[in-house]
Amino acid sequence: MKVAEFLLQSLEAVGVRHIFGNPGTTEIPLVRACAGRGPAGLSYVVALSEVSAVPMADAQARLRRGLGVVNLHVAPGLGNGMGNLYTASIAKSPLLVLVGSQDSRFLHTGPILHGPLEQMVRPLVKAVYTLGSVGDIAFHVRQAIRVALTPPTGPVALICAPDLLELEIDAQPVAVQPPRLAGLAAGDAAAFAAFLRGARSPALIAGEDVHWAGASDALRQLAESIGAPVYSGPYTAMLPLDTRSPSHAGYLSPGFRAIGERLREHDALLFVGFRNFRTTLYAEPALRQARAWLGHDPAVLAADGEFELARLADLDSSLAAIGTALAAASVAGAAASQRRWLPEVALPEAAAAVFHPTRAIVALLRAFSDAIVFDESGLSTSDVRQFIDARAGEYLINGSGGIGWALAAAVGGALVRPERQVLAVVGDGSSLYASEALWTAVHRGARLLLVVLSNRRYATLNEAAGRLADGPIDLFSLEPPVLDFSGLARLHGLAFSRCDSEAGLDDFLRRSGGRVETSTLLELRFDPSIAPVMASRHF
């Protein structure tokens, strides 16, 4: 078989059904090999730019908890995709990044589009492999898949010249079996149990590896057995714990002062699947509690001092083993508490003349309570996190702090999980970064509700300016002119609705019944002077 066919069958063997990309001439052999593979085979999903293709593949990896695949066209295409490739690396998404190279037979002539691909991509991936000859192709394909899926997971680049994809190869595709971490030994499980048992008020802080390990249920059982809260680390890319658990305590704000205040009542902190606090504005860390760590990533950073106990181990089986050790000590059931750890926040009163962004977010989340939610809503993000009711892994943010990810990622999510309603909530500024992804949604028949929160401001920057400067800055306005999102919907063929009042939103939600039948853009227009209730927690 040809190398292109070997590559595709190798991907299909590990469950991949979509390659996302913006193809060029160097991708013709790959695209041609994808054609006609049937409904059960792999398909090539065309995006109109690499800026949108990478988040689509990232969403594929996150929602499948498996390999995602994106195809970037030579040096300029790789450059276009690098911002969102950075985001994928922060979220530890196991992406196979297929980078097109110019024909290997004339690279020495410096052809158009050629560039130092390995040097460009290396800082953002776990490893880089370049197909060089028939003798090394099978090894490099399998190794690239294996490394991406090996904990700690992350993107891996595979550079493919089109002439090599056309060669014949004797190797047979196989389902790559990546190595897995072992669980805790009995003595280590007992040590973690003793750490929790010896605390007056322990707390758990969770990160992305809980998701990648499929350990959300084990985390919930352990936390609820001892009545402890689970805080999601700042910018944790996938919700690690079902919000209906009484142990769900919400996301920590991305600032050490706020983190310290939130964790003050706890005397012991167990970090689970967590690498580091991703903070925004500078403040000195001040975490004086006893600390322990359990996770996948040897690059873990202790923000302040050292961990008393730290182990690299599989999270799912290890959390279960700690729970068993606690039960053996006859403390698990006795210590359990019915306390709900997420603080209550009152909604503002309804007012006929005021369209309040917080009330709008709550109404939207209640109406689409079964949706997979992609959030890049700017200053409203803290409101979304406070009021969302979601299963673990079904609330997703970029995780890197950048913008321009969620809209395109939601399109990928809608294609990968067509049986589910997908909801994207984005700010008006953020929605402009990869809006061309909407073409792919309509072209492929995805069922997506995109909600654009329109306040004509970079409100997040003005919130920061209020802390770092003397207040809002005129440059952070998006008007004039006022952006007309109906034109964006019309350009890409989406259904469109606009609401500038609570009554109008209620009417839309009543008509939708928690589901849209075709991709729809809903613009919610707010007075920029009205801040979301939780805006103060944004930093």
Protein backbone atom coordinates (compact mmCIF):
# COMPACT_ATOMS: atom_id res chain seq x y z
CA MET A 1 0.00 0.00 0.00
CA LYS A 2 1.00 3.62 -0.39
CA VAL A 3 2.44 5.50 2.58
CA ALA A 4 -0.62 7.80 2.66
CA GLU A 5 -2.88 4.76 3.00
CA PHE A 6 -0.64 3.26 5.70
CA LEU A 7 -0.86 6.53 7.64
CA LEU A 8 -4.65 6.71 7.38
CA GLN A 9 -5.17 3.08 8.37
CA SER A 10 -2.82 3.58 11.33
CA LEU A 11 -5.00 6.51 12.46
CA GLU A 12 -8.22 4.58 11.95
CA ALA A 13 -6.81 1.77 14.09
CA VAL A 14 -6.70 4.12 17.10
CA GLY A 15 -10.21 5.46 16.50
CA VAL A 16 -9.52 8.62 14.48
CA ARG A 17 -12.36 9.54 12.13
CA HIS A 18 -11.51 13.11 11.13
CA ILE A 19 -8.44 14.98 9.90
CA PHE A 20 -8.93 18.74 10.12
CA GLY A 21 -6.89 20.94 7.81
CA ASN A 22 -6.59 23.72 5.28
CA PRO A 23 -4.92 21.75 2.49
CA GLY A 24 -2.55 22.97 -0.18
CA THR A 25 -0.64 21.35 -3.00
CA THR A 26 1.52 19.29 -0.64
CA GLU A 27 -1.60 17.71 0.92
CA ILE A 28 -3.10 16.40 -2.35
CA PRO A 29 -1.91 12.78 -1.80
CA LEU A 30 -3.37 12.77 1.72
CA VAL A 31 -6.69 14.34 0.73
CA ARG A 32 -7.04 11.97 -2.23
CA ALA A 33 -6.39 8.97 0.04
CA CYS A 34 -9.16 10.17 2.38
CA ALA A 35 -11.76 10.26 -0.40
CA GLY A 36 -14.31 7.47 -0.65
CA ARG A 37 -13.51 5.74 2.65
CA GLY A 38 -17.17 5.26 3.53
CA PRO A 39 -19.21 6.34 6.57
CA ALA A 40 -17.11 4.26 8.99
CA GLY A 41 -13.80 5.50 7.62
CA LEU A 42 -11.73 8.61 8.14
CA SER A 43 -12.70 11.86 6.41
CA TYR A 44 -10.79 15.05 5.67
CA VAL A 45 -12.61 18.10 7.09
CA VAL A 46 -11.67 21.27 5.24
CA ALA A 47 -11.25 24.42 7.30
CA LEU A 48 -10.68 27.78 5.66
CA SER A 49 -7.56 28.47 7.72
CA GLU A 50 -5.15 26.71 10.02
CA VAL A 51 -6.24 29.13 12.75
CA SER A 52 -9.57 27.30 12.87
CA ALA A 53 -8.33 23.80 11.93
CA VAL A 54 -6.17 23.38 15.06
CA PRO A 55 -8.98 24.08 17.59
CA MET A 56 -11.28 21.72 15.68
CA ALA A 57 -8.75 18.90 16.06
CA ASP A 58 -8.08 19.93 19.67
CA ALA A 59 -11.79 19.56 20.45
CA GLN A 60 -11.73 16.14 18.79
CA ALA A 61 -8.95 15.04 21.13
CA ARG A 62 -10.59 16.46 24.25
CA LEU A 63 -14.09 15.10 23.65
CA ARG A 64 -12.88 11.66 22.52
CA ARG A 65 -10.14 11.61 25.17
CA GLY A 66 -8.00 10.22 22.37
CA LEU A 67 -5.92 11.25 19.39
CA GLY A 68 -6.87 14.35 17.41
CA VAL A 69 -5.33 15.03 14.00
CA VAL A 70 -4.67 18.33 12.25
CA ASN A 71 -2.96 18.88 8.90
CA LEU A 72 -0.96 22.11 8.48
CA HIS A 73 0.25 23.26 5.08
CA VAL A 74 4.04 23.82 5.00
CA ALA A 75 5.78 26.73 6.74
CA PRO A 76 3.15 29.51 6.44
CA GLY A 77 0.35 27.12 7.43
CA LEU A 78 2.32 25.91 10.42
CA GLY A 79 2.89 29.52 11.40
CA ASN A 80 -0.83 30.26 11.14
CA GLY A 81 -1.67 27.35 13.43
CA MET A 82 0.95 27.92 16.11
CA GLY A 83 -1.10 30.13 18.41
CA ASN A 84 -3.77 27.49 18.88
CA LEU A 85 -1.15 24.75 18.85
CA TYR A 86 0.25 26.50 21.94
CA THR A 87 -3.22 26.25 23.49
CA ALA A 88 -3.39 22.52 22.70
CA SER A 89 -0.02 22.00 24.36
CA ILE A 90 -1.16 23.79 27.53
CA ALA A 91 -4.29 21.60 27.66
CA LYS A 92 -2.12 18.49 27.01
CA SER A 93 -4.26 17.52 24.05
CA PRO A 94 -2.83 14.47 22.26
CA LEU A 95 -2.68 15.94 18.76
CA LEU A 96 -0.91 14.45 15.78
CA VAL A 97 0.17 17.51 13.81
CA LEU A 98 0.74 16.46 10.21
CA VAL A 99 2.92 19.19 8.73
CA GLY A 100 3.17 19.24 4.96
CA SER A 101 6.66 19.65 3.55
CA GLN A 102 7.62 20.53 0.02
CA ASP A 103 8.61 17.67 -2.28
CA SER A 104 11.82 16.19 -0.86
CA ARG A 105 13.38 15.91 -4.32
CA PHE A 106 13.92 19.63 -4.64
CA LEU A 107 14.23 20.95 -1.09
CA HIS A 108 17.85 21.80 -1.83
CA THR A 109 16.66 24.48 -4.27
CA GLY A 110 14.80 26.47 -1.59
CA PRO A 111 11.29 26.14 -3.11
CA ILE A 112 8.42 28.43 -2.27
CA LEU A 113 6.69 27.74 1.10
CA HIS A 114 9.64 25.76 2.43
CA GLY A 115 10.95 26.65 5.87
CA PRO A 116 12.66 25.27 8.98
CA LEU A 117 9.65 23.20 10.01
CA GLU A 118 11.33 21.24 12.79
CA GLN A 119 12.74 24.36 14.43
CA MET A 120 9.42 26.19 14.11
CA VAL A 121 7.26 23.54 15.73
CA ARG A 122 9.62 22.04 18.29
CA PRO A 123 8.89 24.45 21.21
CA LEU A 124 5.18 23.55 21.15
CA VAL A 125 5.24 19.76 20.86
CA LYS A 126 6.51 16.75 22.79
CA ALA A 127 8.48 15.46 19.80
CA VAL A 128 9.06 16.00 16.08
CA TYR A 129 9.39 13.19 13.53
CA THR A 130 10.23 13.64 9.83
CA LEU A 131 9.46 10.96 7.27
CA GLY A 132 12.73 10.38 5.45
CA SER A 133 12.66 7.04 3.62
CA VAL A 134 10.60 3.90 3.19
CA GLY A 135 12.75 2.26 5.84
CA ASP A 136 11.79 4.65 8.67
CA ILE A 137 8.21 5.62 7.79
CA ALA A 138 6.36 2.89 9.71
CA PHE A 139 8.47 3.50 12.81
CA HIS A 140 7.97 7.27 12.75
CA VAL A 141 4.21 7.05 12.18
CA ARG A 142 3.72 4.61 15.04
CA GLN A 143 6.09 6.45 17.34
CA ALA A 144 4.40 9.81 16.72
CA ILE A 145 1.01 8.31 17.66
CA ARG A 146 2.50 6.52 20.67
CA VAL A 147 4.25 9.60 22.07
CA ALA A 148 1.17 11.82 21.69
CA LEU A 149 -0.92 9.32 23.67
CA THR A 150 1.70 8.55 26.35
CA PRO A 151 1.16 10.38 29.67
CA PRO A 152 1.64 13.24 29.99
CA THR A 153 -0.22 13.54 26.72
CA GLY A 154 0.42 16.34 24.25
CA PRO A 155 0.89 17.36 20.60
CA VAL A 156 3.47 15.62 18.41
CA ALA A 157 4.54 16.77 14.93
CA LEU A 158 4.99 14.46 11.94
CA ILE A 159 6.49 16.15 8.88
CA CYS A 160 5.39 14.56 5.61
CA ALA A 161 6.69 15.31 2.12
CA PRO A 162 4.09 14.61 -0.61
CA ASP A 163 6.41 12.50 -2.77
CA LEU A 164 7.03 10.14 0.18
CA LEU A 165 3.28 9.74 0.75
CA GLU A 166 3.05 8.27 -2.75
CA LEU A 167 5.66 5.55 -2.18
CA GLU A 168 4.75 1.90 -1.66
CA ILE A 169 5.37 0.34 1.78
CA ASP A 170 5.21 -3.26 3.00
CA ALA A 171 4.43 -2.51 6.67
CA GLN A 172 0.98 -3.32 8.03
CA PRO A 173 -1.00 -0.77 10.11
CA VAL A 174 -1.56 -1.75 13.74
CA ALA A 175 -3.38 -0.22 16.70
CA VAL A 176 -0.59 1.49 18.62
CA GLN A 177 -0.60 0.65 22.33
CA PRO A 178 0.91 3.55 24.30
CA PRO A 179 2.38 2.82 27.73
CA ARG A 180 0.33 3.65 30.80
CA LEU A 181 1.37 4.76 34.25
CA ALA A 182 0.95 2.26 37.08
CA GLY A 183 -1.22 2.88 40.10
CA LEU A 184 0.07 3.63 43.57
CA ALA A 185 1.70 0.90 45.60
CA ALA A 186 -0.17 0.04 48.80
CA GLY A 187 2.32 1.91 50.97
CA ASP A 188 2.04 5.07 48.87
CA ALA A 189 -1.76 4.90 48.87
CA ALA A 190 -1.63 4.63 52.65
CA ALA A 191 0.68 7.66 52.83
CA PHE A 192 -1.76 9.81 50.82
CA ALA A 193 -4.62 8.53 52.96
CA ALA A 194 -2.71 9.52 56.08
CA PHE A 195 -2.05 12.97 54.59
CA LEU A 196 -5.78 13.52 54.13
CA ARG A 197 -6.75 11.84 57.38
CA GLY A 198 -4.40 14.03 59.39
CA ALA A 199 -5.91 17.28 58.12
CA ARG A 200 -8.66 19.24 59.84
CA SER A 201 -9.97 20.62 56.52
CA PRO A 202 -8.32 19.08 53.43
CA ALA A 203 -8.99 20.31 49.90
CA LEU A 204 -8.25 18.86 46.48
CA ILE A 205 -7.13 20.98 43.52
CA ALA A 206 -7.64 19.36 40.12
CA GLY A 207 -6.07 19.88 36.71
CA GLU A 208 -6.23 18.53 33.16
CA ASP A 209 -4.74 15.09 33.85
CA VAL A 210 -7.92 14.14 35.71
CA HIS A 211 -9.69 14.39 32.36
CA TRP A 212 -7.03 12.61 30.33
CA ALA A 213 -6.91 9.76 32.86
CA GLY A 214 -10.69 9.35 32.89
CA ALA A 215 -10.47 9.83 36.64
CA SER A 216 -13.40 12.20 37.28
CA ASP A 217 -15.56 9.54 38.93
CA ALA A 218 -12.70 8.37 41.16
CA LEU A 219 -11.98 11.98 42.14
CA ARG A 220 -15.62 12.54 43.00
CA GLN A 221 -15.86 9.38 45.11
CA LEU A 222 -12.73 10.24 47.08
CA ALA A 223 -13.70 13.85 47.71
CA GLU A 224 -17.26 13.05 48.71
CA SER A 225 -16.11 10.24 51.00
CA ILE A 226 -14.22 12.72 53.16
CA GLY A 227 -16.47 15.74 52.59
CA ALA A 228 -13.65 17.70 50.93
CA PRO A 229 -13.99 20.33 48.19
CA VAL A 230 -12.48 19.98 44.73
CA TYR A 231 -11.27 23.27 43.29
CA SER A 232 -10.48 23.41 39.59
CA GLY A 233 -7.13 25.09 38.99
CA PRO A 234 -7.15 28.45 37.19
CA TYR A 235 -7.62 27.98 33.44
CA THR A 236 -8.08 24.20 33.76
CA ALA A 237 -9.05 23.38 30.19
CA MET A 238 -11.66 20.66 30.85
CA LEU A 239 -14.01 20.59 33.82
CA PRO A 240 -12.54 17.84 36.06
CA LEU A 241 -15.60 17.18 38.25
CA ASP A 242 -19.35 16.97 37.69
CA THR A 243 -20.84 20.25 38.96
CA ARG A 244 -23.65 18.32 40.66
CA SER A 245 -21.21 16.86 43.15
CA PRO A 246 -21.39 18.61 46.53
CA SER A 247 -17.58 18.61 46.42
CA HIS A 248 -17.51 20.85 43.32
CA ALA A 249 -16.09 24.15 44.56
CA GLY A 250 -15.65 25.92 41.21
CA TYR A 251 -12.60 27.40 39.55
CA LEU A 252 -9.91 29.26 41.44
CA SER A 253 -9.32 32.80 40.21
CA PRO A 254 -6.03 33.29 38.33
CA GLY A 255 -4.28 35.41 40.95
CA PHE A 256 -2.30 34.30 43.99
CA ARG A 257 -3.98 36.79 46.30
CA ALA A 258 -7.44 35.47 45.40
CA ILE A 259 -6.19 31.86 45.52
CA GLY A 260 -4.76 32.37 48.99
CA GLU A 261 -8.00 33.87 50.25
CA ARG A 262 -10.12 31.10 48.77
CA LEU A 263 -7.98 28.33 50.26
CA ARG A 264 -7.38 29.96 53.64
CA GLU A 265 -9.73 27.68 55.61
CA HIS A 266 -7.89 24.52 54.46
CA ASP A 267 -4.85 23.15 56.24
CA ALA A 268 -3.86 20.52 53.63
CA LEU A 269 -3.96 20.67 49.82
CA LEU A 270 -3.81 17.63 47.55
CA PHE A 271 -3.05 18.60 43.95
CA VAL A 272 -4.48 16.02 41.53
CA GLY A 273 -3.45 15.93 37.87
CA PHE A 274 -2.24 19.49 38.23
CA ARG A 275 0.92 21.06 36.81
CA ASN A 276 0.94 24.70 37.92
CA PHE A 277 -1.17 27.70 38.89
CA ARG A 278 -1.75 29.73 35.72
CA THR A 279 -2.06 33.20 37.12
CA THR A 280 -2.62 36.47 35.27
CA LEU A 281 -1.61 39.54 37.27
CA TYR A 282 1.44 39.48 39.54
CA ALA A 283 1.15 38.72 43.24
CA GLU A 284 3.38 36.81 45.65
CA PRO A 285 2.26 33.23 46.31
CA ALA A 286 1.43 32.54 49.94
CA LEU A 287 0.32 28.95 50.40
CA ARG A 288 1.40 27.82 53.83
CA GLN A 289 -0.68 24.65 53.96
CA ALA A 290 0.75 21.16 53.88
CA ARG A 291 0.80 20.05 50.25
CA ALA A 292 0.87 16.77 48.34
CA TRP A 293 0.79 16.05 44.61
CA LEU A 294 -0.38 13.17 42.44
CA GLY A 295 -0.29 13.29 38.65
CA HIS A 296 1.20 12.45 35.28
CA ASP A 297 3.56 15.32 34.52
CA PRO A 298 7.14 15.30 35.84
CA ALA A 299 7.38 18.99 34.90
CA VAL A 300 5.07 19.88 37.82
CA LEU A 301 5.81 23.24 39.44
CA ALA A 302 5.40 23.85 43.16
CA ALA A 303 4.46 27.51 43.36
CA ASP A 304 5.55 28.08 46.94
CA GLY A 305 7.80 25.65 48.82
CA GLU A 306 7.88 21.89 48.34
CA PHE A 307 5.38 19.05 48.36
CA GLU A 308 5.48 16.80 51.40
CA LEU A 309 4.44 13.87 49.24
CA ALA A 310 4.51 13.58 45.44
CA ARG A 311 4.07 10.62 43.10
CA LEU A 312 3.83 10.04 39.35
CA ALA A 313 1.00 7.54 38.94
CA ASP A 314 -2.18 6.70 37.06
CA LEU A 315 -4.86 8.89 38.59
CA ASP A 316 -7.92 6.72 38.18
CA SER A 317 -6.62 3.64 39.99
CA SER A 318 -4.55 5.71 42.45
CA LEU A 319 -7.48 7.80 43.66
CA ALA A 320 -9.48 4.61 44.12
CA ALA A 321 -6.61 3.08 46.10
CA ILE A 322 -6.43 6.12 48.38
CA GLY A 323 -10.17 5.85 48.97
CA THR A 324 -9.79 2.18 49.86
CA ALA A 325 -6.98 3.00 52.28
CA LEU A 326 -9.15 5.63 53.96
CA ALA A 327 -12.07 3.23 54.24
CA ALA A 328 -9.79 0.63 55.80
CA ALA A 329 -8.97 3.18 58.48
CA SER A 330 -12.72 3.58 59.14
CA VAL A 331 -12.79 7.29 58.45
CA ALA A 332 -14.27 7.69 55.00
CA GLY A 333 -17.97 7.46 55.79
CA ALA A 334 -17.67 9.14 59.15
CA ALA A 335 -15.97 12.23 57.75
CA ALA A 336 -18.37 12.75 54.85
CA SER A 337 -20.30 16.02 54.85
CA GLN A 338 -23.35 17.15 52.89
CA ARG A 339 -21.94 20.66 52.61
CA ARG A 340 -22.02 22.09 49.10
CA TRP A 341 -18.71 23.81 48.54
CA LEU A 342 -19.62 26.09 45.65
CA PRO A 343 -20.51 29.45 47.21
CA GLU A 344 -24.03 30.70 46.60
CA VAL A 345 -24.28 33.84 44.46
CA ALA A 346 -27.52 35.81 44.21
CA LEU A 347 -28.81 36.85 40.83
CA PRO A 348 -29.56 40.52 40.25
CA GLU A 349 -33.25 41.39 40.31
CA ALA A 350 -35.03 41.50 36.98
CA ALA A 351 -35.59 44.99 35.64
CA ALA A 352 -37.62 45.73 32.54
CA ALA A 353 -35.19 48.34 31.22
CA VAL A 354 -32.01 46.35 31.97
CA PHE A 355 -30.65 43.39 30.00
CA HIS A 356 -28.24 42.05 32.59
CA PRO A 357 -25.45 39.79 31.25
CA THR A 358 -25.51 37.53 34.32
CA ARG A 359 -29.25 36.90 34.08
CA ALA A 360 -28.79 36.16 30.38
CA ILE A 361 -26.00 33.64 31.06
CA VAL A 362 -28.09 31.85 33.69
CA ALA A 363 -31.13 31.66 31.42
CA LEU A 364 -29.01 30.37 28.54
CA LEU A 365 -27.31 27.69 30.65
CA ARG A 366 -30.61 26.52 32.13
CA ALA A 367 -32.24 26.27 28.72
CA PHE A 368 -29.30 24.33 27.25
CA SER A 369 -28.49 22.36 30.38
CA ASP A 370 -27.58 19.20 28.45
CA ALA A 371 -25.22 20.91 25.99
CA ILE A 372 -21.47 20.53 25.68
CA VAL A 373 -20.26 24.06 26.41
CA PHE A 374 -17.25 25.82 24.89
CA ASP A 375 -16.56 29.06 26.75
CA GLU A 376 -14.56 32.09 25.69
CA SER A 377 -16.95 34.68 26.99
CA GLY A 378 -14.45 37.19 28.30
CA LEU A 379 -15.56 38.98 31.42
CA SER A 380 -18.64 36.73 31.66
CA THR A 381 -16.51 33.59 32.01
CA SER A 382 -16.64 33.68 35.82
CA ASP A 383 -20.45 33.86 35.60
CA VAL A 384 -20.52 30.82 33.31
CA ARG A 385 -18.35 28.86 35.74
CA GLN A 386 -20.46 29.87 38.71
CA PHE A 387 -23.83 28.90 37.27
CA ILE A 388 -23.11 26.08 34.82
CA ASP A 389 -24.50 22.60 35.44
CA ALA A 390 -22.26 20.24 33.48
CA ARG A 391 -20.81 16.78 33.54
CA ALA A 392 -17.05 16.40 33.87
CA GLY A 393 -15.29 17.03 30.57
CA GLU A 394 -18.28 18.79 29.00
CA TYR A 395 -17.32 22.35 29.89
CA LEU A 396 -14.24 23.38 27.93
CA ILE A 397 -12.08 26.49 27.78
CA ASN A 398 -8.87 27.11 25.88
CA GLY A 399 -6.74 26.76 29.04
CA SER A 400 -3.96 28.98 27.74
CA GLY A 401 -5.58 32.34 28.42
CA GLY A 402 -5.52 33.33 24.76
CA ILE A 403 -8.60 33.96 22.63
CA GLY A 404 -9.68 32.77 19.21
CA TRP A 405 -10.09 29.10 20.18
CA ALA A 406 -13.62 28.40 21.39
CA LEU A 407 -15.66 29.21 18.28
CA ALA A 408 -13.62 26.93 16.04
CA ALA A 409 -13.27 24.28 18.75
CA ALA A 410 -17.05 24.19 19.12
CA VAL A 411 -17.38 23.50 15.40
CA GLY A 412 -14.97 20.57 15.80
CA GLY A 413 -16.92 19.40 18.83
CA ALA A 414 -20.21 19.50 16.93
CA LEU A 415 -18.70 17.40 14.14
CA VAL A 416 -17.15 14.86 16.51
CA ARG A 417 -20.25 14.57 18.74
CA PRO A 418 -23.16 15.09 16.31
CA GLU A 419 -25.62 13.42 18.69
CA ARG A 420 -25.13 16.19 21.27
CA GLN A 421 -26.09 19.84 21.30
CA VAL A 422 -22.96 22.02 21.32
CA LEU A 423 -23.08 25.53 22.73
CA ALA A 424 -20.32 28.11 22.26
CA VAL A 425 -20.42 31.29 24.36
CA VAL A 426 -17.91 33.86 23.15
CA GLY A 427 -17.23 37.57 23.44
CA ASP A 428 -17.70 39.80 20.44
CA GLY A 429 -13.97 40.44 20.13
CA SER A 430 -13.07 36.77 20.46
CA SER A 431 -15.63 35.74 17.85
CA LEU A 432 -13.69 37.54 15.11
CA TYR A 433 -10.46 35.53 15.44
CA ALA A 434 -11.58 32.35 13.65
CA SER A 435 -15.06 33.16 12.39
CA GLU A 436 -14.26 31.38 9.12
CA ALA A 437 -14.81 28.15 11.08
CA LEU A 438 -18.53 28.83 10.72
CA TRP A 439 -18.28 27.95 7.03
CA THR A 440 -17.06 24.48 8.00
CA ALA A 441 -19.97 24.09 10.43
CA VAL A 442 -22.55 24.83 7.76
CA HIS A 443 -20.67 22.99 4.99
CA ARG A 444 -20.53 19.81 7.10
CA GLY A 445 -24.04 20.13 8.56
CA ALA A 446 -22.94 20.62 12.18
CA ARG A 447 -25.55 21.56 14.79
CA LEU A 448 -24.03 24.44 16.75
CA LEU A 449 -25.45 27.32 18.74
CA LEU A 450 -22.96 30.19 18.80
CA VAL A 451 -23.85 32.88 21.33
CA VAL A 452 -21.96 36.14 20.87
CA LEU A 453 -21.98 38.43 23.91
CA SER A 454 -21.86 41.87 22.34
CA ASN A 455 -20.87 44.79 24.55
CA ARG A 456 -18.65 46.49 21.95
CA ARG A 457 -15.70 46.48 24.33
CA TYR A 458 -12.66 44.42 25.25
CA ALA A 459 -14.19 44.37 28.71
CA THR A 460 -11.60 42.00 30.14
CA LEU A 461 -8.80 44.42 29.28
CA ASN A 462 -10.69 47.30 30.84
CA GLU A 463 -11.18 45.24 34.01
CA ALA A 464 -7.41 44.76 34.08
CA ALA A 465 -6.86 48.44 33.32
CA GLY A 466 -8.92 49.27 36.39
CA ARG A 467 -6.32 47.40 38.45
CA LEU A 468 -3.14 48.32 36.61
CA ALA A 469 -3.95 51.84 35.45
CA ASP A 470 -6.53 54.53 36.23
CA GLY A 471 -9.51 52.82 34.62
CA PRO A 472 -10.92 51.90 31.21
CA ILE A 473 -8.95 52.79 28.09
CA ASP A 474 -10.67 54.15 24.99
CA LEU A 475 -8.51 52.00 22.72
CA PHE A 476 -10.26 48.90 24.10
CA SER A 477 -13.57 49.82 22.46
CA LEU A 478 -14.94 47.98 19.42
CA GLU A 479 -16.98 50.93 18.18
CA PRO A 480 -17.43 52.77 15.94
CA PRO A 481 -18.44 51.08 13.75
CA VAL A 482 -20.79 48.75 15.61
CA LEU A 483 -20.22 45.20 14.41
CA ASP A 484 -23.20 43.64 12.64
CA PHE A 485 -23.18 39.95 13.49
CA SER A 486 -26.19 39.32 11.28
CA GLY A 487 -23.84 39.91 8.36
CA LEU A 488 -21.40 37.33 9.72
CA ALA A 489 -24.22 34.78 10.00
CA ARG A 490 -25.48 35.59 6.52
CA LEU A 491 -21.97 35.33 5.05
CA HIS A 492 -21.56 31.76 6.32
CA GLY A 493 -25.17 30.58 5.98
CA LEU A 494 -26.17 30.36 9.66
CA ALA A 495 -29.58 31.10 11.08
CA PHE A 496 -29.49 34.36 13.07
CA SER A 497 -31.28 35.92 16.02
CA ARG A 498 -30.53 39.04 18.03
CA CYS A 499 -31.76 39.83 21.55
CA ASP A 500 -31.32 43.09 23.41
CA SER A 501 -33.77 42.39 26.23
CA GLU A 502 -34.49 39.63 28.70
CA ALA A 503 -37.95 39.17 27.24
CA GLY A 504 -36.48 38.68 23.78
CA LEU A 505 -34.01 36.07 25.07
CA ASP A 506 -36.74 34.25 26.97
CA ASP A 507 -38.76 34.06 23.76
CA PHE A 508 -35.81 32.64 21.80
CA LEU A 509 -35.08 30.05 24.49
CA ARG A 510 -38.73 29.04 24.70
CA ARG A 511 -38.88 28.51 20.93
CA SER A 512 -35.60 26.58 20.82
CA GLY A 513 -36.53 24.09 23.55
CA GLY A 514 -32.86 23.49 24.42
CA ARG A 515 -31.89 22.44 20.89
CA VAL A 516 -31.20 24.06 17.53
CA GLU A 517 -31.76 22.03 14.36
CA THR A 518 -29.28 24.00 12.28
CA SER A 519 -26.19 26.05 13.10
CA THR A 520 -27.37 29.31 14.60
CA LEU A 521 -25.72 32.56 15.68
CA LEU A 522 -27.44 34.29 18.59
CA GLU A 523 -26.24 37.81 19.35
CA LEU A 524 -26.95 39.15 22.83
CA ARG A 525 -26.44 42.92 22.98
CA PHE A 526 -25.68 44.49 26.36
CA ASP A 527 -25.03 47.92 27.78
CA PRO A 528 -21.23 47.89 28.30
CA SER A 529 -21.60 49.79 31.57
CA ILE A 530 -23.28 46.77 33.22
CA ALA A 531 -20.66 44.32 34.50
CA PRO A 532 -21.31 40.61 35.08
CA VAL A 533 -21.89 39.76 38.74
CA MET A 534 -18.71 37.67 38.99
CA ALA A 535 -16.47 40.06 37.02
CA SER A 536 -14.38 40.85 40.10
CA ARG A 537 -13.19 37.23 40.17
CA HIS A 538 -11.85 37.34 36.61
CA PHE A 539 -8.36 38.12 37.85
